[in-house]
Amino acid sequence: MDDMSEEIAAFLHTRNGGIIFYGVDDLGTVIGSDLKRQDFDQRIQNSVRNTISPAPHIEVWDRNVMGSKVILVTIPPWDRKSLYQYTKNGKYLIRKGTNKFALRPDELKKLSNGQYVV
């Protein structure tokens, strides 16, 4: 769950937030979730609370996709005020395309001033 929390931390600094699909592989194939939504929700909420500061509000949903259960984690757009630190490595992260990066000092300064980086 910590890997997913790191992805969430990166989405938190983006203009549109994001959605993570648990139960869909990297190629887009629906494989289904190996966890019930309630179990997944408890695990991810605890992980987020313990690895991202300040702790953000995320939502967890489940949907039936092509006969398989997929869990969606929705991450809100950046509020242009909060700076979210991934406490496992002490870095501030951002999502760019399909990749996550540690913010450079100039990017962190932009965020501190309420400006979008991406």
PDB file of N, CA and C in Angstrom:
ATOM      1  N   MET A   1       0.809  -1.198   0.000  1.00  0.00           N
ATOM      2  CA  MET A   1       0.000   0.000   0.000  1.00  0.00           C
ATOM      3  C   MET A   1       0.857   1.269   0.000  1.00  0.00           C
ATOM      4  N   ASP A   2       2.088   1.165   0.518  1.00  0.00           N
ATOM      5  CA  ASP A   2       2.941   2.354   0.546  1.00  0.00           C
ATOM      6  C   ASP A   2       3.274   2.836  -0.863  1.00  0.00           C
ATOM      7  N   ASP A   3       3.426   1.902  -1.818  1.00  0.00           N
ATOM      8  CA  ASP A   3       3.689   2.313  -3.202  1.00  0.00           C
ATOM      9  C   ASP A   3       2.517   3.126  -3.747  1.00  0.00           C
ATOM     10  N   MET A   4       1.311   2.680  -3.432  1.00  0.00           N
ATOM     11  CA  MET A   4       0.138   3.410  -3.893  1.00  0.00           C
ATOM     12  C   MET A   4       0.046   4.766  -3.192  1.00  0.00           C
ATOM     13  N   SER A   5       0.404   4.825  -1.921  1.00  0.00           N
ATOM     14  CA  SER A   5       0.405   6.101  -1.196  1.00  0.00           C
ATOM     15  C   SER A   5       1.389   7.078  -1.830  1.00  0.00           C
ATOM     16  N   GLU A   6       2.503   6.577  -2.316  1.00  0.00           N
ATOM     17  CA  GLU A   6       3.477   7.438  -2.985  1.00  0.00           C
ATOM     18  C   GLU A   6       2.878   8.019  -4.271  1.00  0.00           C
ATOM     19  N   GLU A   7       2.137   7.199  -5.011  1.00  0.00           N
ATOM     20  CA  GLU A   7       1.458   7.684  -6.218  1.00  0.00           C
ATOM     21  C   GLU A   7       0.415   8.740  -5.854  1.00  0.00           C
ATOM     22  N   ILE A   8      -0.312   8.499  -4.783  1.00  0.00           N
ATOM     23  CA  ILE A   8      -1.325   9.459  -4.326  1.00  0.00           C
ATOM     24  C   ILE A   8      -0.656  10.780  -3.973  1.00  0.00           C
ATOM     25  N   ALA A   9       0.477  10.720  -3.269  1.00  0.00           N
ATOM     26  CA  ALA A   9       1.211  11.940  -2.895  1.00  0.00           C
ATOM     27  C   ALA A   9       1.594  12.737  -4.138  1.00  0.00           C
ATOM     28  N   ALA A  10       1.945  12.061  -5.212  1.00  0.00           N
ATOM     29  CA  ALA A  10       2.328  12.745  -6.454  1.00  0.00           C
ATOM     30  C   ALA A  10       1.113  13.387  -7.132  1.00  0.00           C
ATOM     31  N   PHE A  11      -0.017  12.715  -7.124  1.00  0.00           N
ATOM     32  CA  PHE A  11      -1.236  13.275  -7.723  1.00  0.00           C
ATOM     33  C   PHE A  11      -1.726  14.508  -6.969  1.00  0.00           C
ATOM     34  N   LEU A  12      -1.459  14.586  -5.677  1.00  0.00           N
ATOM     35  CA  LEU A  12      -1.996  15.674  -4.850  1.00  0.00           C
ATOM     36  C   LEU A  12      -1.513  17.064  -5.269  1.00  0.00           C
ATOM     37  N   HIS A  13      -0.405  17.149  -6.007  1.00  0.00           N
ATOM     38  CA  HIS A  13       0.118  18.445  -6.436  1.00  0.00           C
ATOM     39  C   HIS A  13      -0.241  18.769  -7.886  1.00  0.00           C
ATOM     40  N   THR A  14      -1.252  18.080  -8.437  1.00  0.00           N
ATOM     41  CA  THR A  14      -1.617  18.314  -9.832  1.00  0.00           C
ATOM     42  C   THR A  14      -2.931  19.090  -9.945  1.00  0.00           C
ATOM     43  N   ARG A  15      -3.091  19.723 -11.054  1.00  0.00           N
ATOM     44  CA  ARG A  15      -4.260  20.575 -11.335  1.00  0.00           C
ATOM     45  C   ARG A  15      -5.577  19.791 -11.306  1.00  0.00           C
ATOM     46  N   ASN A  16      -5.551  18.540 -11.745  1.00  0.00           N
ATOM     47  CA  ASN A  16      -6.785  17.758 -11.867  1.00  0.00           C
ATOM     48  C   ASN A  16      -6.923  16.612 -10.877  1.00  0.00           C
ATOM     49  N   GLY A  17      -5.930  16.400 -10.013  1.00  0.00           N
ATOM     50  CA  GLY A  17      -5.987  15.236  -9.135  1.00  0.00           C
ATOM     51  C   GLY A  17      -5.831  13.985  -9.973  1.00  0.00           C
ATOM     52  N   GLY A  18      -6.490  12.913  -9.580  1.00  0.00           N
ATOM     53  CA  GLY A  18      -6.363  11.699 -10.373  1.00  0.00           C
ATOM     54  C   GLY A  18      -7.216  10.568  -9.862  1.00  0.00           C
ATOM     55  N   ILE A  19      -7.185   9.480 -10.605  1.00  0.00           N
ATOM     56  CA  ILE A  19      -7.881   8.250 -10.242  1.00  0.00           C
ATOM     57  C   ILE A  19      -6.901   7.098 -10.435  1.00  0.00           C
ATOM     58  N   ILE A  20      -6.798   6.263  -9.413  1.00  0.00           N
ATOM     59  CA  ILE A  20      -5.994   5.051  -9.505  1.00  0.00           C
ATOM     60  C   ILE A  20      -6.961   3.880  -9.595  1.00  0.00           C
ATOM     61  N   PHE A  21      -6.734   3.006 -10.566  1.00  0.00           N
ATOM     62  CA  PHE A  21      -7.581   1.831 -10.773  1.00  0.00           C
ATOM     63  C   PHE A  21      -6.860   0.606 -10.215  1.00  0.00           C
ATOM     64  N   TYR A  22      -7.333   0.089  -9.095  1.00  0.00           N
ATOM     65  CA  TYR A  22      -6.762  -1.111  -8.496  1.00  0.00           C
ATOM     66  C   TYR A  22      -7.545  -2.299  -9.025  1.00  0.00           C
ATOM     67  N   GLY A  23      -6.857  -3.152  -9.761  1.00  0.00           N
ATOM     68  CA  GLY A  23      -7.512  -4.273 -10.426  1.00  0.00           C
ATOM     69  C   GLY A  23      -7.395  -4.164 -11.934  1.00  0.00           C
ATOM     70  N   VAL A  24      -6.582  -3.187 -12.388  1.00  0.00           N
ATOM     71  CA  VAL A  24      -6.283  -3.011 -13.810  1.00  0.00           C
ATOM     72  C   VAL A  24      -4.761  -2.957 -13.925  1.00  0.00           C
ATOM     73  N   ASP A  25      -4.180  -3.812 -14.772  1.00  0.00           N
ATOM     74  CA  ASP A  25      -2.718  -3.826 -14.872  1.00  0.00           C
ATOM     75  C   ASP A  25      -2.205  -2.650 -15.708  1.00  0.00           C
ATOM     76  N   ASP A  26      -0.887  -2.525 -15.800  1.00  0.00           N
ATOM     77  CA  ASP A  26      -0.265  -1.385 -16.485  1.00  0.00           C
ATOM     78  C   ASP A  26      -0.594  -1.308 -17.972  1.00  0.00           C
ATOM     79  N   LEU A  27      -1.002  -2.424 -18.553  1.00  0.00           N
ATOM     80  CA  LEU A  27      -1.365  -2.432 -19.965  1.00  0.00           C
ATOM     81  C   LEU A  27      -2.850  -2.155 -20.184  1.00  0.00           C
ATOM     82  N   GLY A  28      -3.599  -1.958 -19.087  1.00  0.00           N
ATOM     83  CA  GLY A  28      -5.017  -1.654 -19.190  1.00  0.00           C
ATOM     84  C   GLY A  28      -5.924  -2.867 -19.157  1.00  0.00           C
ATOM     85  N   THR A  29      -5.365  -4.039 -18.897  1.00  0.00           N
ATOM     86  CA  THR A  29      -6.165  -5.257 -18.820  1.00  0.00           C
ATOM     87  C   THR A  29      -6.841  -5.342 -17.455  1.00  0.00           C
ATOM     88  N   VAL A  30      -8.139  -5.578 -17.461  1.00  0.00           N
ATOM     89  CA  VAL A  30      -8.885  -5.716 -16.209  1.00  0.00           C
ATOM     90  C   VAL A  30      -8.591  -7.090 -15.631  1.00  0.00           C
ATOM     91  N   ILE A  31      -7.993  -7.101 -14.450  1.00  0.00           N
ATOM     92  CA  ILE A  31      -7.680  -8.370 -13.782  1.00  0.00           C
ATOM     93  C   ILE A  31      -8.518  -8.561 -12.520  1.00  0.00           C
ATOM     94  N   GLY A  32      -9.144  -7.507 -12.068  1.00  0.00           N
ATOM     95  CA  GLY A  32      -9.979  -7.581 -10.876  1.00  0.00           C
ATOM     96  C   GLY A  32      -9.180  -7.398  -9.604  1.00  0.00           C
ATOM     97  N   SER A  33      -9.866  -6.991  -8.577  1.00  0.00           N
ATOM     98  CA  SER A  33      -9.235  -6.743  -7.280  1.00  0.00           C
ATOM     99  C   SER A  33      -9.142  -8.030  -6.484  1.00  0.00           C
ATOM    100  N   ASP A  34      -8.066  -8.184  -5.746  1.00  0.00           N
ATOM    101  CA  ASP A  34      -7.909  -9.335  -4.867  1.00  0.00           C
ATOM    102  C   ASP A  34      -8.388  -9.021  -3.444  1.00  0.00           C
ATOM    103  N   LEU A  35      -8.915  -7.813  -3.233  1.00  0.00           N
ATOM    104  CA  LEU A  35      -9.392  -7.380  -1.921  1.00  0.00           C
ATOM    105  C   LEU A  35     -10.828  -6.871  -2.012  1.00  0.00           C
ATOM    106  N   LYS A  36     -11.564  -7.007  -0.929  1.00  0.00           N
ATOM    107  CA  LYS A  36     -12.875  -6.379  -0.835  1.00  0.00           C
ATOM    108  C   LYS A  36     -12.662  -4.886  -0.652  1.00  0.00           C
ATOM    109  N   ARG A  37     -13.634  -4.079  -1.110  1.00  0.00           N
ATOM    110  CA  ARG A  37     -13.503  -2.633  -1.013  1.00  0.00           C
ATOM    111  C   ARG A  37     -13.253  -2.185   0.417  1.00  0.00           C
ATOM    112  N   GLN A  38     -13.970  -2.752   1.379  1.00  0.00           N
ATOM    113  CA  GLN A  38     -13.815  -2.340   2.775  1.00  0.00           C
ATOM    114  C   GLN A  38     -12.397  -2.608   3.284  1.00  0.00           C
ATOM    115  N   ASP A  39     -11.851  -3.777   2.944  1.00  0.00           N
ATOM    116  CA  ASP A  39     -10.482  -4.112   3.362  1.00  0.00           C
ATOM    117  C   ASP A  39      -9.472  -3.183   2.694  1.00  0.00           C
ATOM    118  N   PHE A  40      -9.665  -2.975   1.395  1.00  0.00           N
ATOM    119  CA  PHE A  40      -8.770  -2.080   0.658  1.00  0.00           C
ATOM    120  C   PHE A  40      -8.843  -0.672   1.228  1.00  0.00           C
ATOM    121  N   ASP A  41     -10.062  -0.182   1.466  1.00  0.00           N
ATOM    122  CA  ASP A  41     -10.264   1.168   1.994  1.00  0.00           C
ATOM    123  C   ASP A  41      -9.527   1.346   3.320  1.00  0.00           C
ATOM    124  N   GLN A  42      -9.674   0.400   4.206  1.00  0.00           N
ATOM    125  CA  GLN A  42      -9.000   0.504   5.504  1.00  0.00           C
ATOM    126  C   GLN A  42      -7.479   0.538   5.328  1.00  0.00           C
ATOM    127  N   ARG A  43      -6.956  -0.325   4.495  1.00  0.00           N
ATOM    128  CA  ARG A  43      -5.504  -0.386   4.296  1.00  0.00           C
ATOM    129  C   ARG A  43      -4.956   0.886   3.656  1.00  0.00           C
ATOM    130  N   ILE A  44      -5.630   1.363   2.603  1.00  0.00           N
ATOM    131  CA  ILE A  44      -5.100   2.545   1.908  1.00  0.00           C
ATOM    132  C   ILE A  44      -5.264   3.802   2.755  1.00  0.00           C
ATOM    133  N   GLN A  45      -6.377   3.927   3.458  1.00  0.00           N
ATOM    134  CA  GLN A  45      -6.564   5.101   4.320  1.00  0.00           C
ATOM    135  C   GLN A  45      -5.496   5.132   5.414  1.00  0.00           C
ATOM    136  N   ASN A  46      -5.201   3.991   6.017  1.00  0.00           N
ATOM    137  CA  ASN A  46      -4.155   3.930   7.043  1.00  0.00           C
ATOM    138  C   ASN A  46      -2.786   4.250   6.450  1.00  0.00           C
ATOM    139  N   SER A  47      -2.510   3.712   5.277  1.00  0.00           N
ATOM    140  CA  SER A  47      -1.226   3.974   4.640  1.00  0.00           C
ATOM    141  C   SER A  47      -1.067   5.460   4.312  1.00  0.00           C
ATOM    142  N   VAL A  48      -2.107   6.060   3.736  1.00  0.00           N
ATOM    143  CA  VAL A  48      -2.069   7.487   3.385  1.00  0.00           C
ATOM    144  C   VAL A  48      -1.859   8.325   4.639  1.00  0.00           C
ATOM    145  N   ARG A  49      -2.589   7.990   5.688  1.00  0.00           N
ATOM    146  CA  ARG A  49      -2.489   8.751   6.940  1.00  0.00           C
ATOM    147  C   ARG A  49      -1.102   8.662   7.567  1.00  0.00           C
ATOM    148  N   ASN A  50      -0.442   7.519   7.361  1.00  0.00           N
ATOM    149  CA  ASN A  50       0.874   7.298   7.972  1.00  0.00           C
ATOM    150  C   ASN A  50       2.047   7.702   7.088  1.00  0.00           C
ATOM    151  N   THR A  51       1.791   8.024   5.816  1.00  0.00           N
ATOM    152  CA  THR A  51       2.916   8.322   4.919  1.00  0.00           C
ATOM    153  C   THR A  51       2.834   9.670   4.220  1.00  0.00           C
ATOM    154  N   ILE A  52       1.710  10.372   4.317  1.00  0.00           N
ATOM    155  CA  ILE A  52       1.571  11.668   3.652  1.00  0.00           C
ATOM    156  C   ILE A  52       1.196  12.709   4.698  1.00  0.00           C
ATOM    157  N   SER A  53       1.944  13.803   4.689  1.00  0.00           N
ATOM    158  CA  SER A  53       1.677  14.877   5.659  1.00  0.00           C
ATOM    159  C   SER A  53       1.535  16.199   4.922  1.00  0.00           C
ATOM    160  N   PRO A  54       0.436  16.937   5.143  1.00  0.00           N
ATOM    161  CA  PRO A  54      -0.720  16.576   5.946  1.00  0.00           C
ATOM    162  C   PRO A  54      -1.522  15.469   5.255  1.00  0.00           C
ATOM    163  N   ALA A  55      -2.273  14.721   6.040  1.00  0.00           N
ATOM    164  CA  ALA A  55      -3.060  13.613   5.493  1.00  0.00           C
ATOM    165  C   ALA A  55      -4.188  14.166   4.619  1.00  0.00           C
ATOM    166  N   PRO A  56      -4.240  13.749   3.359  1.00  0.00           N
ATOM    167  CA  PRO A  56      -5.290  14.236   2.456  1.00  0.00           C
ATOM    168  C   PRO A  56      -6.571  13.419   2.586  1.00  0.00           C
ATOM    169  N   HIS A  57      -7.627  13.933   2.001  1.00  0.00           N
ATOM    170  CA  HIS A  57      -8.889  13.194   1.921  1.00  0.00           C
ATOM    171  C   HIS A  57      -8.954  12.523   0.555  1.00  0.00           C
ATOM    172  N   ILE A  58      -9.004  11.201   0.556  1.00  0.00           N
ATOM    173  CA  ILE A  58      -9.182  10.455  -0.690  1.00  0.00           C
ATOM    174  C   ILE A  58     -10.478   9.655  -0.566  1.00  0.00           C
ATOM    175  N   GLU A  59     -11.019   9.250  -1.694  1.00  0.00           N
ATOM    176  CA  GLU A  59     -12.229   8.442  -1.689  1.00  0.00           C
ATOM    177  C   GLU A  59     -11.965   7.131  -2.407  1.00  0.00           C
ATOM    178  N   VAL A  60     -12.615   6.071  -1.913  1.00  0.00           N
ATOM    179  CA  VAL A  60     -12.446   4.736  -2.480  1.00  0.00           C
ATOM    180  C   VAL A  60     -13.811   4.224  -2.915  1.00  0.00           C
ATOM    181  N   TRP A  61     -13.877   3.763  -4.166  1.00  0.00           N
ATOM    182  CA  TRP A  61     -15.112   3.258  -4.754  1.00  0.00           C
ATOM    183  C   TRP A  61     -14.828   1.888  -5.357  1.00  0.00           C
ATOM    184  N   ASP A  62     -15.852   1.091  -5.556  1.00  0.00           N
ATOM    185  CA  ASP A  62     -15.669  -0.126  -6.343  1.00  0.00           C
ATOM    186  C   ASP A  62     -16.689  -0.140  -7.473  1.00  0.00           C
ATOM    187  N   ARG A  63     -16.291  -0.713  -8.576  1.00  0.00           N
ATOM    188  CA  ARG A  63     -17.138  -0.803  -9.761  1.00  0.00           C
ATOM    189  C   ARG A  63     -16.954  -2.170 -10.409  1.00  0.00           C
ATOM    190  N   ASN A  64     -18.013  -2.628 -11.036  1.00  0.00           N
ATOM    191  CA  ASN A  64     -17.954  -3.861 -11.792  1.00  0.00           C
ATOM    192  C   ASN A  64     -17.559  -3.491 -13.222  1.00  0.00           C
ATOM    193  N   VAL A  65     -16.430  -4.004 -13.674  1.00  0.00           N
ATOM    194  CA  VAL A  65     -15.932  -3.716 -15.014  1.00  0.00           C
ATOM    195  C   VAL A  65     -15.708  -5.037 -15.738  1.00  0.00           C
ATOM    196  N   MET A  66     -16.492  -5.261 -16.763  1.00  0.00           N
ATOM    197  CA  MET A  66     -16.367  -6.482 -17.569  1.00  0.00           C
ATOM    198  C   MET A  66     -16.410  -7.734 -16.696  1.00  0.00           C
ATOM    199  N   GLY A  67     -17.282  -7.722 -15.702  1.00  0.00           N
ATOM    200  CA  GLY A  67     -17.469  -8.890 -14.852  1.00  0.00           C
ATOM    201  C   GLY A  67     -16.475  -9.027 -13.712  1.00  0.00           C
ATOM    202  N   SER A  68     -15.574  -8.075 -13.550  1.00  0.00           N
ATOM    203  CA  SER A  68     -14.594  -8.108 -12.463  1.00  0.00           C
ATOM    204  C   SER A  68     -14.728  -6.860 -11.611  1.00  0.00           C
ATOM    205  N   LYS A  69     -14.440  -7.003 -10.328  1.00  0.00           N
ATOM    206  CA  LYS A  69     -14.498  -5.855  -9.430  1.00  0.00           C
ATOM    207  C   LYS A  69     -13.192  -5.076  -9.520  1.00  0.00           C
ATOM    208  N   VAL A  70     -13.311  -3.772  -9.756  1.00  0.00           N
ATOM    209  CA  VAL A  70     -12.172  -2.857  -9.809  1.00  0.00           C
ATOM    210  C   VAL A  70     -12.395  -1.799  -8.736  1.00  0.00           C
ATOM    211  N   ILE A  71     -11.346  -1.468  -8.011  1.00  0.00           N
ATOM    212  CA  ILE A  71     -11.434  -0.444  -6.975  1.00  0.00           C
ATOM    213  C   ILE A  71     -10.800   0.831  -7.508  1.00  0.00           C
ATOM    214  N   LEU A  72     -11.507   1.948  -7.330  1.00  0.00           N
ATOM    215  CA  LEU A  72     -11.015   3.244  -7.777  1.00  0.00           C
ATOM    216  C   LEU A  72     -10.675   4.093  -6.567  1.00  0.00           C
ATOM    217  N   VAL A  73      -9.519   4.718  -6.618  1.00  0.00           N
ATOM    218  CA  VAL A  73      -9.107   5.665  -5.584  1.00  0.00           C
ATOM    219  C   VAL A  73      -9.091   7.034  -6.247  1.00  0.00           C
ATOM    220  N   THR A  74      -9.929   7.944  -5.752  1.00  0.00           N
ATOM    221  CA  THR A  74      -9.974   9.282  -6.337  1.00  0.00           C
ATOM    222  C   THR A  74      -9.193  10.246  -5.463  1.00  0.00           C
ATOM    223  N   ILE A  75      -8.319  10.987  -6.110  1.00  0.00           N
ATOM    224  CA  ILE A  75      -7.443  11.956  -5.447  1.00  0.00           C
ATOM    225  C   ILE A  75      -7.882  13.346  -5.895  1.00  0.00           C
ATOM    226  N   PRO A  76      -8.132  14.240  -4.940  1.00  0.00           N
ATOM    227  CA  PRO A  76      -8.621  15.571  -5.312  1.00  0.00           C
ATOM    228  C   PRO A  76      -7.538  16.408  -5.994  1.00  0.00           C
ATOM    229  N   PRO A  77      -7.947  17.421  -6.758  1.00  0.00           N
ATOM    230  CA  PRO A  77      -6.977  18.353  -7.338  1.00  0.00           C
ATOM    231  C   PRO A  77      -6.272  19.137  -6.229  1.00  0.00           C
ATOM    232  N   TRP A  78      -5.116  19.640  -6.557  1.00  0.00           N
ATOM    233  CA  TRP A  78      -4.350  20.442  -5.607  1.00  0.00           C
ATOM    234  C   TRP A  78      -5.133  21.703  -5.240  1.00  0.00           C
ATOM    235  N   ASP A  79      -5.161  22.047  -3.958  1.00  0.00           N
ATOM    236  CA  ASP A  79      -5.919  23.212  -3.484  1.00  0.00           C
ATOM    237  C   ASP A  79      -5.130  24.521  -3.585  1.00  0.00           C
ATOM    238  N   ARG A  80      -3.941  24.469  -4.145  1.00  0.00           N
ATOM    239  CA  ARG A  80      -3.055  25.615  -4.356  1.00  0.00           C
ATOM    240  C   ARG A  80      -2.558  26.232  -3.046  1.00  0.00           C
ATOM    241  N   LYS A  81      -2.675  25.482  -1.954  1.00  0.00           N
ATOM    242  CA  LYS A  81      -2.165  25.938  -0.663  1.00  0.00           C
ATOM    243  C   LYS A  81      -1.307  24.879   0.007  1.00  0.00           C
ATOM    244  N   SER A  82      -1.843  23.663   0.110  1.00  0.00           N
ATOM    245  CA  SER A  82      -1.187  22.597   0.866  1.00  0.00           C
ATOM    246  C   SER A  82       0.007  22.031   0.111  1.00  0.00           C
ATOM    247  N   LEU A  83       1.059  21.739   0.833  1.00  0.00           N
ATOM    248  CA  LEU A  83       2.207  21.028   0.282  1.00  0.00           C
ATOM    249  C   LEU A  83       2.267  19.679   0.979  1.00  0.00           C
ATOM    250  N   TYR A  84       2.150  18.618   0.199  1.00  0.00           N
ATOM    251  CA  TYR A  84       2.064  17.270   0.739  1.00  0.00           C
ATOM    252  C   TYR A  84       3.422  16.577   0.659  1.00  0.00           C
ATOM    253  N   GLN A  85       3.916  16.164   1.794  1.00  0.00           N
ATOM    254  CA  GLN A  85       5.212  15.495   1.848  1.00  0.00           C
ATOM    255  C   GLN A  85       4.996  13.995   1.995  1.00  0.00           C
ATOM    256  N   TYR A  86       5.703  13.235   1.182  1.00  0.00           N
ATOM    257  CA  TYR A  86       5.705  11.786   1.325  1.00  0.00           C
ATOM    258  C   TYR A  86       6.756  11.477   2.379  1.00  0.00           C
ATOM    259  N   THR A  87       6.310  11.109   3.570  1.00  0.00           N
ATOM    260  CA  THR A  87       7.209  11.035   4.723  1.00  0.00           C
ATOM    261  C   THR A  87       8.158   9.846   4.696  1.00  0.00           C
ATOM    262  N   LYS A  88       7.913   8.853   3.854  1.00  0.00           N
ATOM    263  CA  LYS A  88       8.826   7.706   3.778  1.00  0.00           C
ATOM    264  C   LYS A  88      10.211   8.116   3.278  1.00  0.00           C
ATOM    265  N   ASN A  89      10.247   9.127   2.391  1.00  0.00           N
ATOM    266  CA  ASN A  89      11.545   9.589   1.885  1.00  0.00           C
ATOM    267  C   ASN A  89      11.742  11.094   2.090  1.00  0.00           C
ATOM    268  N   GLY A  90      10.751  11.749   2.691  1.00  0.00           N
ATOM    269  CA  GLY A  90      10.859  13.178   2.988  1.00  0.00           C
ATOM    270  C   GLY A  90      10.728  14.086   1.775  1.00  0.00           C
ATOM    271  N   LYS A  91      10.303  13.530   0.633  1.00  0.00           N
ATOM    272  CA  LYS A  91      10.228  14.322  -0.598  1.00  0.00           C
ATOM    273  C   LYS A  91       8.814  14.815  -0.876  1.00  0.00           C
ATOM    274  N   TYR A  92       8.758  15.866  -1.679  1.00  0.00           N
ATOM    275  CA  TYR A  92       7.510  16.368  -2.227  1.00  0.00           C
ATOM    276  C   TYR A  92       7.468  15.874  -3.665  1.00  0.00           C
ATOM    277  N   LEU A  93       6.379  15.248  -4.051  1.00  0.00           N
ATOM    278  CA  LEU A  93       6.305  14.580  -5.342  1.00  0.00           C
ATOM    279  C   LEU A  93       5.274  15.231  -6.244  1.00  0.00           C
ATOM    280  N   ILE A  94       5.416  14.982  -7.537  1.00  0.00           N
ATOM    281  CA  ILE A  94       4.418  15.432  -8.504  1.00  0.00           C
ATOM    282  C   ILE A  94       4.292  14.391  -9.604  1.00  0.00           C
ATOM    283  N   ARG A  95       3.117  14.296 -10.145  1.00  0.00           N
ATOM    284  CA  ARG A  95       2.837  13.376 -11.243  1.00  0.00           C
ATOM    285  C   ARG A  95       2.896  14.164 -12.539  1.00  0.00           C
ATOM    286  N   LYS A  96       3.677  13.660 -13.492  1.00  0.00           N
ATOM    287  CA  LYS A  96       3.763  14.250 -14.830  1.00  0.00           C
ATOM    288  C   LYS A  96       3.553  13.121 -15.820  1.00  0.00           C
ATOM    289  N   GLY A  97       2.414  13.151 -16.498  1.00  0.00           N
ATOM    290  CA  GLY A  97       2.077  12.054 -17.407  1.00  0.00           C
ATOM    291  C   GLY A  97       1.898  10.774 -16.604  1.00  0.00           C
ATOM    292  N   THR A  98       2.629   9.744 -16.977  1.00  0.00           N
ATOM    293  CA  THR A  98       2.531   8.465 -16.271  1.00  0.00           C
ATOM    294  C   THR A  98       3.659   8.273 -15.264  1.00  0.00           C
ATOM    295  N   ASN A  99       4.420   9.329 -15.024  1.00  0.00           N
ATOM    296  CA  ASN A  99       5.571   9.229 -14.123  1.00  0.00           C
ATOM    297  C   ASN A  99       5.403  10.127 -12.909  1.00  0.00           C
ATOM    298  N   LYS A 100       6.085   9.771 -11.831  1.00  0.00           N
ATOM    299  CA  LYS A 100       6.125  10.639 -10.655  1.00  0.00           C
ATOM    300  C   LYS A 100       7.567  11.061 -10.442  1.00  0.00           C
ATOM    301  N   PHE A 101       7.735  12.300  -9.990  1.00  0.00           N
ATOM    302  CA  PHE A 101       9.054  12.873  -9.785  1.00  0.00           C
ATOM    303  C   PHE A 101       9.098  13.599  -8.455  1.00  0.00           C
ATOM    304  N   ALA A 102      10.292  13.669  -7.886  1.00  0.00           N
ATOM    305  CA  ALA A 102      10.499  14.544  -6.731  1.00  0.00           C
ATOM    306  C   ALA A 102      10.543  15.968  -7.259  1.00  0.00           C
ATOM    307  N   LEU A 103       9.889  16.866  -6.544  1.00  0.00           N
ATOM    308  CA  LEU A 103       9.898  18.267  -6.961  1.00  0.00           C
ATOM    309  C   LEU A 103      11.297  18.853  -6.811  1.00  0.00           C
ATOM    310  N   ARG A 104      11.721  19.599  -7.805  1.00  0.00           N
ATOM    311  CA  ARG A 104      12.989  20.322  -7.730  1.00  0.00           C
ATOM    312  C   ARG A 104      12.754  21.572  -6.886  1.00  0.00           C
ATOM    313  N   PRO A 105      13.815  22.187  -6.361  1.00  0.00           N
ATOM    314  CA  PRO A 105      13.650  23.387  -5.527  1.00  0.00           C
ATOM    315  C   PRO A 105      12.853  24.492  -6.211  1.00  0.00           C
ATOM    316  N   ASP A 106      13.075  24.729  -7.523  1.00  0.00           N
ATOM    317  CA  ASP A 106      12.330  25.779  -8.218  1.00  0.00           C
ATOM    318  C   ASP A 106      10.848  25.421  -8.346  1.00  0.00           C
ATOM    319  N   GLU A 107      10.532  24.133  -8.510  1.00  0.00           N
ATOM    320  CA  GLU A 107       9.141  23.704  -8.591  1.00  0.00           C
ATOM    321  C   GLU A 107       8.460  23.819  -7.226  1.00  0.00           C
ATOM    322  N   LEU A 108       9.183  23.469  -6.189  1.00  0.00           N
ATOM    323  CA  LEU A 108       8.642  23.580  -4.831  1.00  0.00           C
ATOM    324  C   LEU A 108       8.350  25.034  -4.492  1.00  0.00           C
ATOM    325  N   LYS A 109       9.214  25.931  -4.963  1.00  0.00           N
ATOM    326  CA  LYS A 109       8.994  27.361  -4.738  1.00  0.00           C
ATOM    327  C   LYS A 109       7.717  27.828  -5.446  1.00  0.00           C
ATOM    328  N   LYS A 110       7.506  27.348  -6.683  1.00  0.00           N
ATOM    329  CA  LYS A 110       6.278  27.700  -7.404  1.00  0.00           C
ATOM    330  C   LYS A 110       5.044  27.235  -6.632  1.00  0.00           C
ATOM    331  N   LEU A 111       5.086  25.994  -6.155  1.00  0.00           N
ATOM    332  CA  LEU A 111       3.949  25.487  -5.388  1.00  0.00           C
ATOM    333  C   LEU A 111       3.738  26.310  -4.121  1.00  0.00           C
ATOM    334  N   SER A 112       4.815  26.674  -3.470  1.00  0.00           N
ATOM    335  CA  SER A 112       4.711  27.482  -2.239  1.00  0.00           C
ATOM    336  C   SER A 112       4.028  28.820  -2.512  1.00  0.00           C
ATOM    337  N   ASN A 113       4.143  29.300  -3.746  1.00  0.00           N
ATOM    338  CA  ASN A 113       3.516  30.557  -4.144  1.00  0.00           C
ATOM    339  C   ASN A 113       2.127  30.358  -4.765  1.00  0.00           C
ATOM    340  N   GLY A 114       1.616  29.103  -4.685  1.00  0.00           N
ATOM    341  CA  GLY A 114       0.282  28.818  -5.200  1.00  0.00           C
ATOM    342  C   GLY A 114       0.214  28.650  -6.701  1.00  0.00           C
ATOM    343  N   GLN A 115       1.360  28.439  -7.351  1.00  0.00           N
ATOM    344  CA  GLN A 115       1.395  28.276  -8.803  1.00  0.00           C
ATOM    345  C   GLN A 115       1.514  26.811  -9.166  1.00  0.00           C
ATOM    346  N   TYR A 116       0.826  26.424 -10.228  1.00  0.00           N
ATOM    347  CA  TYR A 116       0.924  25.048 -10.719  1.00  0.00           C
ATOM    348  C   TYR A 116       2.283  24.816 -11.360  1.00  0.00           C
ATOM    349  N   VAL A 117       2.782  23.596 -11.216  1.00  0.00           N
ATOM    350  CA  VAL A 117       4.029  23.222 -11.872  1.00  0.00           C
ATOM    351  C   VAL A 117       3.729  22.605 -13.236  1.00  0.00           C
ATOM    352  N   VAL A 118       2.676  21.811 -13.318  1.00  0.00           N
ATOM    353  CA  VAL A 118       2.323  21.136 -14.557  1.00  0.00           C
ATOM    354  C   VAL A 118       1.057  21.741 -15.108  1.00  0.00           C
TER     355      VAL A 118
END
